[in-house]
Protein backbone atom coordinates (compact mmCIF):
# COMPACT_ATOMS: atom_id res chain seq x y z
CA MET A 1 18.01 -2.39 5.62
CA HIS A 2 18.60 0.90 7.40
CA LEU A 3 18.03 0.80 11.16
CA GLY A 4 15.36 3.53 10.88
CA GLY A 5 13.45 1.47 8.34
CA LEU A 6 13.65 -1.58 10.58
CA ARG A 7 12.38 0.46 13.55
CA THR A 8 9.44 1.78 11.51
CA ALA A 9 8.61 -1.73 10.31
CA LEU A 10 8.70 -2.98 13.90
CA TYR A 11 6.34 -0.24 15.11
CA ASN A 12 3.91 -0.97 12.27
CA TYR A 13 4.16 -4.72 12.84
CA LEU A 14 3.43 -4.33 16.56
CA PHE A 15 0.57 -1.92 15.87
CA ALA A 16 -1.00 -4.33 13.37
CA ARG A 17 -0.65 -7.28 15.74
CA SER A 18 -2.05 -5.42 18.76
CA ASN A 19 -5.10 -4.31 16.74
CA ASN A 20 -5.85 -7.63 14.99
CA GLY A 21 -4.63 -6.03 11.77
CA THR A 22 -2.56 -7.13 8.82
CA PHE A 23 1.09 -6.24 8.38
CA ILE A 24 1.72 -5.60 4.69
CA LEU A 25 5.15 -5.07 3.15
CA ARG A 26 4.84 -2.72 0.18
CA ILE A 27 7.98 -1.82 -1.76
CA GLU A 28 8.54 1.79 -2.82
CA ASP A 29 10.31 1.66 -6.19
CA THR A 30 8.96 4.66 -8.06
CA ASP A 31 12.45 6.19 -8.27
CA GLN A 32 13.74 3.66 -10.78
CA THR A 33 17.22 5.25 -10.89
CA ARG A 34 17.80 4.08 -7.29
CA THR A 35 16.42 0.55 -7.72
CA ILE A 36 18.99 -2.10 -6.78
CA PRO A 37 18.65 -5.71 -7.99
CA GLY A 38 18.01 -8.06 -5.07
CA ALA A 39 16.94 -5.27 -2.71
CA ILE A 40 13.42 -6.63 -2.22
CA GLU A 41 14.74 -10.03 -1.18
CA LYS A 42 17.28 -8.38 1.14
CA ILE A 43 14.56 -6.31 2.85
CA GLN A 44 12.40 -9.40 3.36
CA ASP A 45 15.40 -11.36 4.71
CA ASP A 46 16.26 -8.55 7.13
CA LEU A 47 12.68 -8.42 8.42
CA LEU A 48 12.66 -12.19 8.91
CA TRP A 49 15.97 -11.97 10.77
CA ALA A 50 14.34 -9.45 13.14
CA GLY A 51 11.30 -11.70 13.61
CA ILE A 52 9.00 -9.39 11.66
CA ILE A 53 6.91 -11.63 9.43
CA SER A 54 4.63 -9.84 7.02
CA ASP A 55 1.16 -11.22 6.29
CA GLU A 56 1.37 -9.99 2.71
CA ASN A 57 4.37 -9.06 0.58
CA PRO A 58 5.68 -9.28 -3.00
CA THR A 59 6.73 -12.92 -2.51
CA ARG A 60 3.84 -14.20 -0.44
CA GLY A 61 1.09 -12.24 -2.21
CA GLY A 62 -2.33 -11.55 -0.76
CA PRO A 63 -5.63 -9.78 -1.43
CA VAL A 64 -4.32 -6.20 -1.72
CA SER A 65 -1.63 -6.77 -4.35
CA PRO A 66 0.37 -5.55 -6.13
CA TYR A 67 2.95 -4.86 -3.42
CA ILE A 68 5.42 -2.96 -5.56
CA GLN A 69 4.47 0.71 -5.90
CA SER A 70 5.34 1.04 -9.60
CA SER A 71 2.89 -1.80 -10.31
CA ARG A 72 0.08 0.21 -8.71
CA LEU A 73 0.20 3.20 -11.08
CA GLU A 74 -3.03 2.24 -12.89
CA LEU A 75 -4.84 1.98 -9.56
CA TYR A 76 -3.52 5.39 -8.52
CA LYS A 77 -4.67 6.94 -11.81
CA TYR A 78 -8.11 5.40 -11.33
CA VAL A 79 -8.48 6.75 -7.79
CA TYR A 80 -7.14 10.14 -8.89
CA ASN A 81 -9.85 10.38 -11.54
CA LEU A 82 -12.49 9.39 -9.00
CA MET A 83 -11.21 12.12 -6.70
CA LEU A 84 -11.54 14.66 -9.51
CA ARG A 85 -15.11 13.50 -10.07
CA PHE A 86 -15.79 13.86 -6.36
CA ALA A 87 -14.32 17.37 -6.34
CA ASN A 88 -16.70 18.37 -9.13
CA LEU A 89 -19.64 16.72 -7.36
CA SER A 90 -18.87 18.38 -4.05
CA LYS A 91 -19.44 21.73 -5.73
CA THR A 92 -22.98 20.62 -6.56
CA LYS A 93 -23.43 19.14 -3.07
CA SER A 94 -24.87 15.91 -4.47
CA VAL A 95 -24.77 13.42 -1.59
CA ILE A 96 -26.29 10.64 -3.69
CA ASN A 97 -23.56 10.93 -6.33
CA PHE A 98 -20.91 11.13 -3.61
CA VAL A 99 -22.15 7.83 -2.12
CA ARG A 100 -22.15 6.22 -5.57
CA ILE A 101 -18.50 7.19 -6.06
CA LEU A 102 -17.54 5.84 -2.63
CA VAL A 103 -19.23 2.52 -3.47
CA GLU A 104 -17.39 2.42 -6.80
CA ILE A 105 -14.05 3.06 -5.10
CA LYS A 106 -14.65 0.30 -2.56
CA GLN A 107 -15.63 -2.19 -5.27
CA ASN A 108 -12.50 -1.49 -7.30
CA LEU A 109 -9.86 -1.50 -4.57
């Protein structure tokens, strides 16, 4: 793991801990040409070495899975379509429909 990545993970870990939050390790793998076998395990090992223990990650799991970005594409498409619907509704200034969409987003995330 690059030192800058470790520093960023440490800042996020400390922020989550100091605010009673959850530290989640999500893996960015959308550029499949740069994906290296074993990299996820190496990142997790490096974080453990530094004493940064994630509450949720690809190995441990948790309520906001999946933790690998390429596995979240369907979710992103869903939210994108909801955002388009919201954009159309905002033109009509329909607060009731806006609230309905927000409730739908919350239920599906």
